[in-house]
Full PDB file with SEQRES, HELIX, SHEET, SSBOND, CRYST1, ORIGX, SCALE, CONECT and MASTER records, all heavy atoms in Angstrom:
SEQRES   1 A   34  ASN ILE ARG THR TYR GLY TYR ILE ILE ASP ARG GLU GLU          
SEQRES   2 A   34  ASP ALA GLU GLU PHE ALA SER TRP ILE GLU LYS GLN ASN          
SEQRES   3 A   34  ASP LEU ILE LYS SER ARG LEU LYS                              
HELIX    1 AA1 ILE A    2  ILE A    8  1                                   7    
HELIX    2 AA2 GLU A   12  LEU A   33  1                                  22    
CRYST1    1.000    1.000    1.000  90.00  90.00  90.00 P 1           1          
ORIGX1      1.000000  0.000000  0.000000        0.00000                         
ORIGX2      0.000000  1.000000  0.000000        0.00000                         
ORIGX3      0.000000  0.000000  1.000000        0.00000                         
SCALE1      1.000000  0.000000  0.000000        0.00000                         
SCALE2      0.000000  1.000000  0.000000        0.00000                         
SCALE3      0.000000  0.000000  1.000000        0.00000                         
ATOM      1  N   ASN A   1       0.815  -1.206   0.000  1.00  0.00           N  
ATOM      2  CA  ASN A   1       0.000   0.000   0.000  1.00  0.00           C  
ATOM      3  C   ASN A   1       0.852   1.261   0.000  1.00  0.00           C  
ATOM      4  O   ASN A   1       0.472   2.280  -0.590  1.00  0.00           O  
ATOM      5  CB  ASN A   1      -0.947  -0.005   1.199  1.00  0.00           C  
ATOM      6  CG  ASN A   1      -2.051  -1.037   1.063  1.00  0.00           C  
ATOM      7  OD1 ASN A   1      -2.495  -1.329  -0.038  1.00  0.00           O  
ATOM      8  ND2 ASN A   1      -2.487  -1.607   2.169  1.00  0.00           N  
ATOM      9  N   ILE A   2       1.990   1.200   0.650  1.00  0.00           N  
ATOM     10  CA  ILE A   2       2.907   2.347   0.619  1.00  0.00           C  
ATOM     11  C   ILE A   2       3.436   2.557  -0.787  1.00  0.00           C  
ATOM     12  O   ILE A   2       3.511   3.695  -1.278  1.00  0.00           O  
ATOM     13  CB  ILE A   2       4.058   2.136   1.623  1.00  0.00           C  
ATOM     14  CG1 ILE A   2       3.535   2.320   3.052  1.00  0.00           C  
ATOM     15  CG2 ILE A   2       5.215   3.102   1.343  1.00  0.00           C  
ATOM     16  CD1 ILE A   2       4.523   1.951   4.123  1.00  0.00           C  
ATOM     17  N   ARG A   3       3.788   1.488  -1.463  1.00  0.00           N  
ATOM     18  CA  ARG A   3       4.249   1.614  -2.851  1.00  0.00           C  
ATOM     19  C   ARG A   3       3.142   2.177  -3.738  1.00  0.00           C  
ATOM     20  O   ARG A   3       3.388   3.016  -4.606  1.00  0.00           O  
ATOM     21  CB  ARG A   3       4.726   0.259  -3.367  1.00  0.00           C  
ATOM     22  CG  ARG A   3       6.031  -0.225  -2.732  1.00  0.00           C  
ATOM     23  CD  ARG A   3       6.500  -1.533  -3.367  1.00  0.00           C  
ATOM     24  NE  ARG A   3       7.818  -1.922  -2.866  1.00  0.00           N  
ATOM     25  CZ  ARG A   3       8.028  -2.877  -1.957  1.00  0.00           C  
ATOM     26  NH1 ARG A   3       6.997  -3.551  -1.453  1.00  0.00           N  
ATOM     27  NH2 ARG A   3       9.254  -3.157  -1.553  1.00  0.00           N  
ATOM     28  N   THR A   4       1.923   1.701  -3.517  1.00  0.00           N  
ATOM     29  CA  THR A   4       0.785   2.219  -4.281  1.00  0.00           C  
ATOM     30  C   THR A   4       0.617   3.718  -4.039  1.00  0.00           C  
ATOM     31  O   THR A   4       0.450   4.503  -4.986  1.00  0.00           O  
ATOM     32  CB  THR A   4      -0.502   1.474  -3.888  1.00  0.00           C  
ATOM     33  OG1 THR A   4      -0.359   0.082  -4.191  1.00  0.00           O  
ATOM     34  CG2 THR A   4      -1.715   2.022  -4.636  1.00  0.00           C  
ATOM     35  N   TYR A   5       0.683   4.114  -2.797  1.00  0.00           N  
ATOM     36  CA  TYR A   5       0.551   5.522  -2.440  1.00  0.00           C  
ATOM     37  C   TYR A   5       1.666   6.359  -3.075  1.00  0.00           C  
ATOM     38  O   TYR A   5       1.440   7.494  -3.501  1.00  0.00           O  
ATOM     39  CB  TYR A   5       0.578   5.657  -0.921  1.00  0.00           C  
ATOM     40  CG  TYR A   5       0.287   7.040  -0.399  1.00  0.00           C  
ATOM     41  CD1 TYR A   5      -0.837   7.747  -0.808  1.00  0.00           C  
ATOM     42  CD2 TYR A   5       1.136   7.632   0.547  1.00  0.00           C  
ATOM     43  CE1 TYR A   5      -1.112   9.010  -0.305  1.00  0.00           C  
ATOM     44  CE2 TYR A   5       0.866   8.895   1.054  1.00  0.00           C  
ATOM     45  CZ  TYR A   5      -0.251   9.580   0.625  1.00  0.00           C  
ATOM     46  OH  TYR A   5      -0.523  10.831   1.112  1.00  0.00           O  
ATOM     47  N   GLY A   6       2.865   5.778  -3.131  1.00  0.00           N  
ATOM     48  CA  GLY A   6       3.981   6.476  -3.754  1.00  0.00           C  
ATOM     49  C   GLY A   6       3.704   6.835  -5.199  1.00  0.00           C  
ATOM     50  O   GLY A   6       4.068   7.927  -5.667  1.00  0.00           O  
ATOM     51  N   TYR A   7       3.053   5.939  -5.920  1.00  0.00           N  
ATOM     52  CA  TYR A   7       2.688   6.228  -7.315  1.00  0.00           C  
ATOM     53  C   TYR A   7       1.599   7.307  -7.385  1.00  0.00           C  
ATOM     54  O   TYR A   7       1.602   8.136  -8.297  1.00  0.00           O  
ATOM     55  CB  TYR A   7       2.225   4.960  -8.019  1.00  0.00           C  
ATOM     56  CG  TYR A   7       3.374   4.166  -8.610  1.00  0.00           C  
ATOM     57  CD1 TYR A   7       4.060   3.232  -7.844  1.00  0.00           C  
ATOM     58  CD2 TYR A   7       3.784   4.365  -9.922  1.00  0.00           C  
ATOM     59  CE1 TYR A   7       5.122   2.518  -8.363  1.00  0.00           C  
ATOM     60  CE2 TYR A   7       4.848   3.649 -10.462  1.00  0.00           C  
ATOM     61  CZ  TYR A   7       5.518   2.727  -9.682  1.00  0.00           C  
ATOM     62  OH  TYR A   7       6.578   2.026 -10.204  1.00  0.00           O  
ATOM     63  N   ILE A   8       0.706   7.299  -6.431  1.00  0.00           N  
ATOM     64  CA  ILE A   8      -0.382   8.283  -6.441  1.00  0.00           C  
ATOM     65  C   ILE A   8       0.161   9.693  -6.272  1.00  0.00           C  
ATOM     66  O   ILE A   8      -0.277  10.631  -6.941  1.00  0.00           O  
ATOM     67  CB  ILE A   8      -1.411   7.960  -5.343  1.00  0.00           C  
ATOM     68  CG1 ILE A   8      -2.150   6.650  -5.672  1.00  0.00           C  
ATOM     69  CG2 ILE A   8      -2.409   9.102  -5.165  1.00  0.00           C  
ATOM     70  CD1 ILE A   8      -3.036   6.143  -4.556  1.00  0.00           C  
ATOM     71  N   ILE A   9       1.139   9.871  -5.379  1.00  0.00           N  
ATOM     72  CA  ILE A   9       1.638  11.214  -5.082  1.00  0.00           C  
ATOM     73  C   ILE A   9       3.016  11.474  -5.704  1.00  0.00           C  
ATOM     74  O   ILE A   9       3.693  12.438  -5.336  1.00  0.00           O  
ATOM     75  CB  ILE A   9       1.683  11.470  -3.560  1.00  0.00           C  
ATOM     76  CG1 ILE A   9       2.663  10.521  -2.860  1.00  0.00           C  
ATOM     77  CG2 ILE A   9       0.293  11.374  -2.958  1.00  0.00           C  
ATOM     78  CD1 ILE A   9       2.892  10.860  -1.392  1.00  0.00           C  
ATOM     79  N   ASP A  10       3.419  10.624  -6.649  1.00  0.00           N  
ATOM     80  CA  ASP A  10       4.689  10.805  -7.372  1.00  0.00           C  
ATOM     81  C   ASP A  10       5.904  10.798  -6.450  1.00  0.00           C  
ATOM     82  O   ASP A  10       6.816  11.627  -6.570  1.00  0.00           O  
ATOM     83  CB  ASP A  10       4.658  12.104  -8.192  1.00  0.00           C  
ATOM     84  CG  ASP A  10       3.644  12.047  -9.326  1.00  0.00           C  
ATOM     85  OD1 ASP A  10       3.524  10.989  -9.963  1.00  0.00           O  
ATOM     86  OD2 ASP A  10       2.952  13.051  -9.555  1.00  0.00           O  
ATOM     87  N   ARG A  11       5.918   9.842  -5.537  1.00  0.00           N  
ATOM     88  CA  ARG A  11       7.070   9.644  -4.647  1.00  0.00           C  
ATOM     89  C   ARG A  11       7.461   8.165  -4.681  1.00  0.00           C  
ATOM     90  O   ARG A  11       7.624   7.529  -3.658  1.00  0.00           O  
ATOM     91  CB  ARG A  11       6.739  10.071  -3.214  1.00  0.00           C  
ATOM     92  CG  ARG A  11       6.418  11.541  -3.018  1.00  0.00           C  
ATOM     93  CD  ARG A  11       7.605  12.445  -3.322  1.00  0.00           C  
ATOM     94  NE  ARG A  11       7.417  13.798  -2.831  1.00  0.00           N  
ATOM     95  CZ  ARG A  11       6.679  14.738  -3.400  1.00  0.00           C  
ATOM     96  NH1 ARG A  11       6.025  14.455  -4.532  1.00  0.00           N  
ATOM     97  NH2 ARG A  11       6.585  15.952  -2.885  1.00  0.00           N  
ATOM     98  N   GLU A  12       7.626   7.642  -5.895  1.00  0.00           N  
ATOM     99  CA  GLU A  12       7.859   6.202  -6.048  1.00  0.00           C  
ATOM    100  C   GLU A  12       9.147   5.736  -5.382  1.00  0.00           C  
ATOM    101  O   GLU A  12       9.172   4.709  -4.695  1.00  0.00           O  
ATOM    102  CB  GLU A  12       7.883   5.817  -7.530  1.00  0.00           C  
ATOM    103  CG  GLU A  12       6.568   5.981  -8.257  1.00  0.00           C  
ATOM    104  CD  GLU A  12       6.437   7.335  -8.930  1.00  0.00           C  
ATOM    105  OE1 GLU A  12       7.103   8.300  -8.471  1.00  0.00           O  
ATOM    106  OE2 GLU A  12       5.687   7.439  -9.925  1.00  0.00           O  
ATOM    107  N   GLU A  13      10.232   6.475  -5.567  1.00  0.00           N  
ATOM    108  CA  GLU A  13      11.507   6.046  -4.992  1.00  0.00           C  
ATOM    109  C   GLU A  13      11.486   6.136  -3.475  1.00  0.00           C  
ATOM    110  O   GLU A  13      12.007   5.247  -2.782  1.00  0.00           O  
ATOM    111  CB  GLU A  13      12.642   6.892  -5.568  1.00  0.00           C  
ATOM    112  CG  GLU A  13      12.905   6.638  -7.049  1.00  0.00           C  
ATOM    113  CD  GLU A  13      14.089   7.433  -7.573  1.00  0.00           C  
ATOM    114  OE1 GLU A  13      14.747   8.123  -6.755  1.00  0.00           O  
ATOM    115  OE2 GLU A  13      14.350   7.372  -8.794  1.00  0.00           O  
ATOM    116  N   ASP A  14      10.882   7.193  -2.942  1.00  0.00           N  
ATOM    117  CA  ASP A  14      10.761   7.323  -1.486  1.00  0.00           C  
ATOM    118  C   ASP A  14       9.894   6.204  -0.918  1.00  0.00           C  
ATOM    119  O   ASP A  14      10.189   5.662   0.155  1.00  0.00           O  
ATOM    120  CB  ASP A  14      10.152   8.672  -1.137  1.00  0.00           C  
ATOM    121  CG  ASP A  14      11.003   9.835  -1.609  1.00  0.00           C  
ATOM    122  OD1 ASP A  14      12.023  10.121  -0.978  1.00  0.00           O  
ATOM    123  OD2 ASP A  14      10.640  10.435  -2.640  1.00  0.00           O  
ATOM    124  N   ALA A  15       8.826   5.855  -1.643  1.00  0.00           N  
ATOM    125  CA  ALA A  15       7.947   4.774  -1.198  1.00  0.00           C  
ATOM    126  C   ALA A  15       8.678   3.442  -1.194  1.00  0.00           C  
ATOM    127  O   ALA A  15       8.509   2.631  -0.285  1.00  0.00           O  
ATOM    128  CB  ALA A  15       6.710   4.699  -2.090  1.00  0.00           C  
ATOM    129  N   GLU A  16       9.492   3.224  -2.207  1.00  0.00           N  
ATOM    130  CA  GLU A  16      10.262   1.976  -2.269  1.00  0.00           C  
ATOM    131  C   GLU A  16      11.233   1.885  -1.096  1.00  0.00           C  
ATOM    132  O   GLU A  16      11.391   0.818  -0.488  1.00  0.00           O  
ATOM    133  CB  GLU A  16      11.013   1.885  -3.590  1.00  0.00           C  
ATOM    134  CG  GLU A  16      11.852   0.623  -3.758  1.00  0.00           C  
ATOM    135  CD  GLU A  16      11.031  -0.648  -3.639  1.00  0.00           C  
ATOM    136  OE1 GLU A  16       9.883  -0.670  -4.111  1.00  0.00           O  
ATOM    137  OE2 GLU A  16      11.544  -1.632  -3.059  1.00  0.00           O  
ATOM    138  N   GLU A  17      11.874   2.992  -0.759  1.00  0.00           N  
ATOM    139  CA  GLU A  17      12.808   2.991   0.371  1.00  0.00           C  
ATOM    140  C   GLU A  17      12.079   2.681   1.675  1.00  0.00           C  
ATOM    141  O   GLU A  17      12.534   1.864   2.483  1.00  0.00           O  
ATOM    142  CB  GLU A  17      13.515   4.337   0.478  1.00  0.00           C  
ATOM    143  CG  GLU A  17      14.522   4.389   1.630  1.00  0.00           C  
ATOM    144  CD  GLU A  17      15.195   5.741   1.786  1.00  0.00           C  
ATOM    145  OE1 GLU A  17      14.757   6.719   1.127  1.00  0.00           O  
ATOM    146  OE2 GLU A  17      16.153   5.837   2.585  1.00  0.00           O  
ATOM    147  N   PHE A  18      10.933   3.330   1.881  1.00  0.00           N  
ATOM    148  CA  PHE A  18      10.178   3.117   3.118  1.00  0.00           C  
ATOM    149  C   PHE A  18       9.612   1.703   3.182  1.00  0.00           C  
ATOM    150  O   PHE A  18       9.692   1.028   4.214  1.00  0.00           O  
ATOM    151  CB  PHE A  18       9.055   4.145   3.207  1.00  0.00           C  
ATOM    152  CG  PHE A  18       8.348   4.181   4.537  1.00  0.00           C  
ATOM    153  CD1 PHE A  18       9.028   3.956   5.717  1.00  0.00           C  
ATOM    154  CD2 PHE A  18       6.981   4.461   4.602  1.00  0.00           C  
ATOM    155  CE1 PHE A  18       8.378   3.996   6.950  1.00  0.00           C  
ATOM    156  CE2 PHE A  18       6.318   4.500   5.817  1.00  0.00           C  
ATOM    157  CZ  PHE A  18       7.013   4.267   6.990  1.00  0.00           C  
ATOM    158  N   ALA A  19       9.051   1.230   2.082  1.00  0.00           N  
ATOM    159  CA  ALA A  19       8.491  -0.123   2.050  1.00  0.00           C  
ATOM    160  C   ALA A  19       9.569  -1.166   2.298  1.00  0.00           C  
ATOM    161  O   ALA A  19       9.343  -2.151   3.021  1.00  0.00           O  
ATOM    162  CB  ALA A  19       7.800  -0.364   0.714  1.00  0.00           C  
ATOM    163  N   SER A  20      10.736  -0.971   1.721  1.00  0.00           N  
ATOM    164  CA  SER A  20      11.836  -1.916   1.911  1.00  0.00           C  
ATOM    165  C   SER A  20      12.315  -1.915   3.356  1.00  0.00           C  
ATOM    166  O   SER A  20      12.657  -2.975   3.906  1.00  0.00           O  
ATOM    167  CB  SER A  20      12.995  -1.573   0.969  1.00  0.00           C  
ATOM    168  OG  SER A  20      12.602  -1.712  -0.382  1.00  0.00           O  
ATOM    169  N   TRP A  21      12.338  -0.742   3.974  1.00  0.00           N  
ATOM    170  CA  TRP A  21      12.728  -0.649   5.385  1.00  0.00           C  
ATOM    171  C   TRP A  21      11.730  -1.411   6.252  1.00  0.00           C  
ATOM    172  O   TRP A  21      12.125  -2.142   7.168  1.00  0.00           O  
ATOM    173  CB  TRP A  21      12.792   0.813   5.807  1.00  0.00           C  
ATOM    174  CG  TRP A  21      13.300   1.034   7.199  1.00  0.00           C  
ATOM    175  CD1 TRP A  21      14.596   1.168   7.602  1.00  0.00           C  
ATOM    176  CD2 TRP A  21      12.503   1.133   8.393  1.00  0.00           C  
ATOM    177  NE1 TRP A  21      14.665   1.352   8.959  1.00  0.00           N  
ATOM    178  CE2 TRP A  21      13.405   1.337   9.471  1.00  0.00           C  
ATOM    179  CE3 TRP A  21      11.140   1.089   8.649  1.00  0.00           C  
ATOM    180  CZ2 TRP A  21      12.957   1.489  10.791  1.00  0.00           C  
ATOM    181  CZ3 TRP A  21      10.696   1.230   9.958  1.00  0.00           C  
ATOM    182  CH2 TRP A  21      11.606   1.428  11.012  1.00  0.00           C  
ATOM    183  N   ILE A  22      10.455  -1.252   5.977  1.00  0.00           N  
ATOM    184  CA  ILE A  22       9.419  -1.965   6.720  1.00  0.00           C  
ATOM    185  C   ILE A  22       9.583  -3.477   6.563  1.00  0.00           C  
ATOM    186  O   ILE A  22       9.507  -4.236   7.534  1.00  0.00           O  
ATOM    187  CB  ILE A  22       8.025  -1.510   6.250  1.00  0.00           C  
ATOM    188  CG1 ILE A  22       7.731  -0.113   6.796  1.00  0.00           C  
ATOM    189  CG2 ILE A  22       6.934  -2.496   6.658  1.00  0.00           C  
ATOM    190  CD1 ILE A  22       6.501   0.521   6.229  1.00  0.00           C  
ATOM    191  N   GLU A  23       9.812  -3.918   5.349  1.00  0.00           N  
ATOM    192  CA  GLU A  23       9.992  -5.351   5.102  1.00  0.00           C  
ATOM    193  C   GLU A  23      11.225  -5.883   5.822  1.00  0.00           C  
ATOM    194  O   GLU A  23      11.220  -7.017   6.330  1.00  0.00           O  
ATOM    195  CB  GLU A  23      10.097  -5.591   3.598  1.00  0.00           C  
ATOM    196  CG  GLU A  23       8.771  -5.375   2.873  1.00  0.00           C  
ATOM    197  CD  GLU A  23       8.892  -5.294   1.360  1.00  0.00           C  
ATOM    198  OE1 GLU A  23      10.036  -5.220   0.859  1.00  0.00           O  
ATOM    199  OE2 GLU A  23       7.860  -5.282   0.685  1.00  0.00           O  
ATOM    200  N   LYS A  24      12.258  -5.073   5.905  1.00  0.00           N  
ATOM    201  CA  LYS A  24      13.472  -5.484   6.607  1.00  0.00           C  
ATOM    202  C   LYS A  24      13.197  -5.725   8.087  1.00  0.00           C  
ATOM    203  O   LYS A  24      13.612  -6.745   8.659  1.00  0.00           O  
ATOM    204  CB  LYS A  24      14.556  -4.417   6.430  1.00  0.00           C  
ATOM    205  CG  LYS A  24      15.841  -4.703   7.197  1.00  0.00           C  
ATOM    206  CD  LYS A  24      16.835  -3.559   7.039  1.00  0.00           C  
ATOM    207  CE  LYS A  24      18.082  -3.779   7.882  1.00  0.00           C  
ATOM    208  NZ  LYS A  24      19.025  -2.628   7.770  1.00  0.00           N  
ATOM    209  N   GLN A  25      12.495  -4.790   8.731  1.00  0.00           N  
ATOM    210  CA  GLN A  25      12.192  -4.951  10.158  1.00  0.00           C  
ATOM    211  C   GLN A  25      11.222  -6.111  10.378  1.00  0.00           C  
ATOM    212  O   GLN A  25      11.354  -6.868  11.343  1.00  0.00           O  
ATOM    213  CB  GLN A  25      11.594  -3.650  10.720  1.00  0.00           C  
ATOM    214  CG  GLN A  25      12.360  -2.384  10.413  1.00  0.00           C  
ATOM    215  CD  GLN A  25      13.851  -2.486  10.660  1.00  0.00           C  
ATOM    216  OE1 GLN A  25      14.299  -3.099  11.628  1.00  0.00           O  
ATOM    217  NE2 GLN A  25      14.641  -1.874   9.781  1.00  0.00           N  
ATOM    218  N   ASN A  26      10.256  -6.241   9.500  1.00  0.00           N  
ATOM    219  CA  ASN A  26       9.297  -7.332   9.609  1.00  0.00           C  
ATOM    220  C   ASN A  26       9.997  -8.683   9.494  1.00  0.00           C  
ATOM    221  O   ASN A  26       9.728  -9.616  10.261  1.00  0.00           O  
ATOM    222  CB  ASN A  26       8.234  -7.181   8.521  1.00  0.00           C  
ATOM    223  CG  ASN A  26       6.994  -8.002   8.783  1.00  0.00           C  
ATOM    224  OD1 ASN A  26       6.765  -8.485   9.888  1.00  0.00           O  
ATOM    225  ND2 ASN A  26       6.178  -8.175   7.761  1.00  0.00           N  
ATOM    226  N   ASP A  27      10.899  -8.782   8.532  1.00  0.00           N  
ATOM    227  CA  ASP A  27      11.656 -10.031   8.344  1.00  0.00           C  
ATOM    228  C   ASP A  27      12.535 -10.324   9.558  1.00  0.00           C  
ATOM    229  O   ASP A  27      12.707 -11.495   9.939  1.00  0.00           O  
ATOM    230  CB  ASP A  27      12.513  -9.949   7.085  1.00  0.00           C  
ATOM    231  CG  ASP A  27      11.695  -9.974   5.810  1.00  0.00           C  
ATOM    232  OD1 ASP A  27      10.508 -10.348   5.863  1.00  0.00           O  
ATOM    233  OD2 ASP A  27      12.232  -9.610   4.743  1.00  0.00           O  
ATOM    234  N   LEU A  28      13.097  -9.279  10.156  1.00  0.00           N  
ATOM    235  CA  LEU A  28      13.926  -9.463  11.348  1.00  0.00           C  
ATOM    236  C   LEU A  28      13.119 -10.093  12.471  1.00  0.00           C  
ATOM    237  O   LEU A  28      13.551 -11.084  13.088  1.00  0.00           O  
ATOM    238  CB  LEU A  28      14.490  -8.112  11.791  1.00  0.00           C  
ATOM    239  CG  LEU A  28      15.176  -8.073  13.170  1.00  0.00           C  
ATOM    240  CD1 LEU A  28      16.400  -8.973  13.184  1.00  0.00           C  
ATOM    241  CD2 LEU A  28      15.548  -6.639  13.543  1.00  0.00           C  
ATOM    242  N   ILE A  29      11.941  -9.545  12.734  1.00  0.00           N  
ATOM    243  CA  ILE A  29      11.105 -10.067  13.816  1.00  0.00           C  
ATOM    244  C   ILE A  29      10.684 -11.506  13.523  1.00  0.00           C  
ATOM    245  O   ILE A  29      10.779 -12.392  14.389  1.00  0.00           O  
ATOM    246  CB  ILE A  29       9.870  -9.173  14.004  1.00  0.00           C  
ATOM    247  CG1 ILE A  29      10.291  -7.783  14.467  1.00  0.00           C  
ATOM    248  CG2 ILE A  29       8.905  -9.797  15.018  1.00  0.00           C  
ATOM    249  CD1 ILE A  29       9.183  -6.755  14.441  1.00  0.00           C  
ATOM    250  N   LYS A  30      10.243 -11.749  12.306  1.00  0.00           N  
ATOM    251  CA  LYS A  30       9.794 -13.101  11.946  1.00  0.00           C  
ATOM    252  C   LYS A  30      10.917 -14.120  12.050  1.00  0.00           C  
ATOM    253  O   LYS A  30      10.709 -15.246  12.524  1.00  0.00           O  
ATOM    254  CB  LYS A  30       9.219 -13.092  10.537  1.00  0.00           C  
ATOM    255  CG  LYS A  30       7.852 -12.425  10.416  1.00  0.00           C  
ATOM    256  CD  LYS A  30       7.330 -12.506   8.989  1.00  0.00           C  
ATOM    257  CE  LYS A  30       5.936 -11.919   8.885  1.00  0.00           C  
ATOM    258  NZ  LYS A  30       5.413 -11.973   7.497  1.00  0.00           N  
ATOM    259  N   SER A  31      12.102 -13.737  11.615  1.00  0.00           N  
ATOM    260  CA  SER A  31      13.220 -14.683  11.630  1.00  0.00           C  
ATOM    261  C   SER A  31      13.626 -15.052  13.050  1.00  0.00           C  
ATOM    262  O   SER A  31      13.991 -16.201  13.321  1.00  0.00           O  
ATOM    263  CB  SER A  31      14.422 -14.102  10.875  1.00  0.00           C  
ATOM    264  OG  SER A  31      14.950 -12.965  11.542  1.00  0.00           O  
ATOM    265  N   ARG A  32      13.541 -14.089  13.967  1.00  0.00           N  
ATOM    266  CA  ARG A  32      13.928 -14.369  15.353  1.00  0.00           C  
ATOM    267  C   ARG A  32      12.890 -15.227  16.071  1.00  0.00           C  
ATOM    268  O   ARG A  32      13.219 -15.933  17.034  1.00  0.00           O  
ATOM    269  CB  ARG A  32      14.141 -13.062  16.113  1.00  0.00           C  
ATOM    270  CG  ARG A  32      15.300 -12.206  15.608  1.00  0.00           C  
ATOM    271  CD  ARG A  32      16.623 -12.935  15.706  1.00  0.00           C  
ATOM    272  NE  ARG A  32      17.719 -12.187  15.147  1.00  0.00           N  
ATOM    273  CZ  ARG A  32      18.557 -11.403  15.836  1.00  0.00           C  
ATOM    274  NH1 ARG A  32      18.404 -11.299  17.146  1.00  0.00           N  
ATOM    275  NH2 ARG A  32      19.528 -10.765  15.233  1.00  0.00           N  
ATOM    276  N   LEU A  33      11.643 -15.152  15.633  1.00  0.00           N  
ATOM    277  CA  LEU A  33      10.570 -15.855  16.342  1.00  0.00           C  
ATOM    278  C   LEU A  33      10.046 -17.078  15.589  1.00  0.00           C  
ATOM    279  O   LEU A  33       9.083 -17.694  16.021  1.00  0.00           O  
ATOM    280  CB  LEU A  33       9.410 -14.884  16.590  1.00  0.00           C  
ATOM    281  CG  LEU A  33       9.713 -13.700  17.505  1.00  0.00           C  
ATOM    282  CD1 LEU A  33       8.537 -12.741  17.529  1.00  0.00           C  
ATOM    283  CD2 LEU A  33      10.051 -14.167  18.913  1.00  0.00           C  
ATOM    284  N   LYS A  34      10.690 -17.440  14.497  1.00  0.00           N  
ATOM    285  CA  LYS A  34      10.157 -18.505  13.652  1.00  0.00           C  
ATOM    286  C   LYS A  34      10.064 -19.850  14.373  1.00  0.00           C  
ATOM    287  O   LYS A  34       9.204 -20.675  14.046  1.00  0.00           O  
ATOM    288  CB  LYS A  34      10.990 -18.645  12.381  1.00  0.00           C  
ATOM    289  CG  LYS A  34      12.437 -19.044  12.596  1.00  0.00           C  
ATOM    290  CD  LYS A  34      13.187 -19.095  11.274  1.00  0.00           C  
ATOM    291  CE  LYS A  34      14.658 -19.474  11.477  1.00  0.00           C  
ATOM    292  NZ  LYS A  34      15.401 -19.493  10.186  1.00  0.00           N  
TER     293      LYS A  34                                                      
MASTER        0    0    0    2    0    0    0    6  292    1    0    3          
END                                                                             
């Protein structure tokens, strides 16, 4: 949804950076608790 929003407001690269950061933290939590 962040990537989608980035396209809506013409901030695609910023959205990709933020979305990737979120996925990184999410993966960290999941990997530690798997």
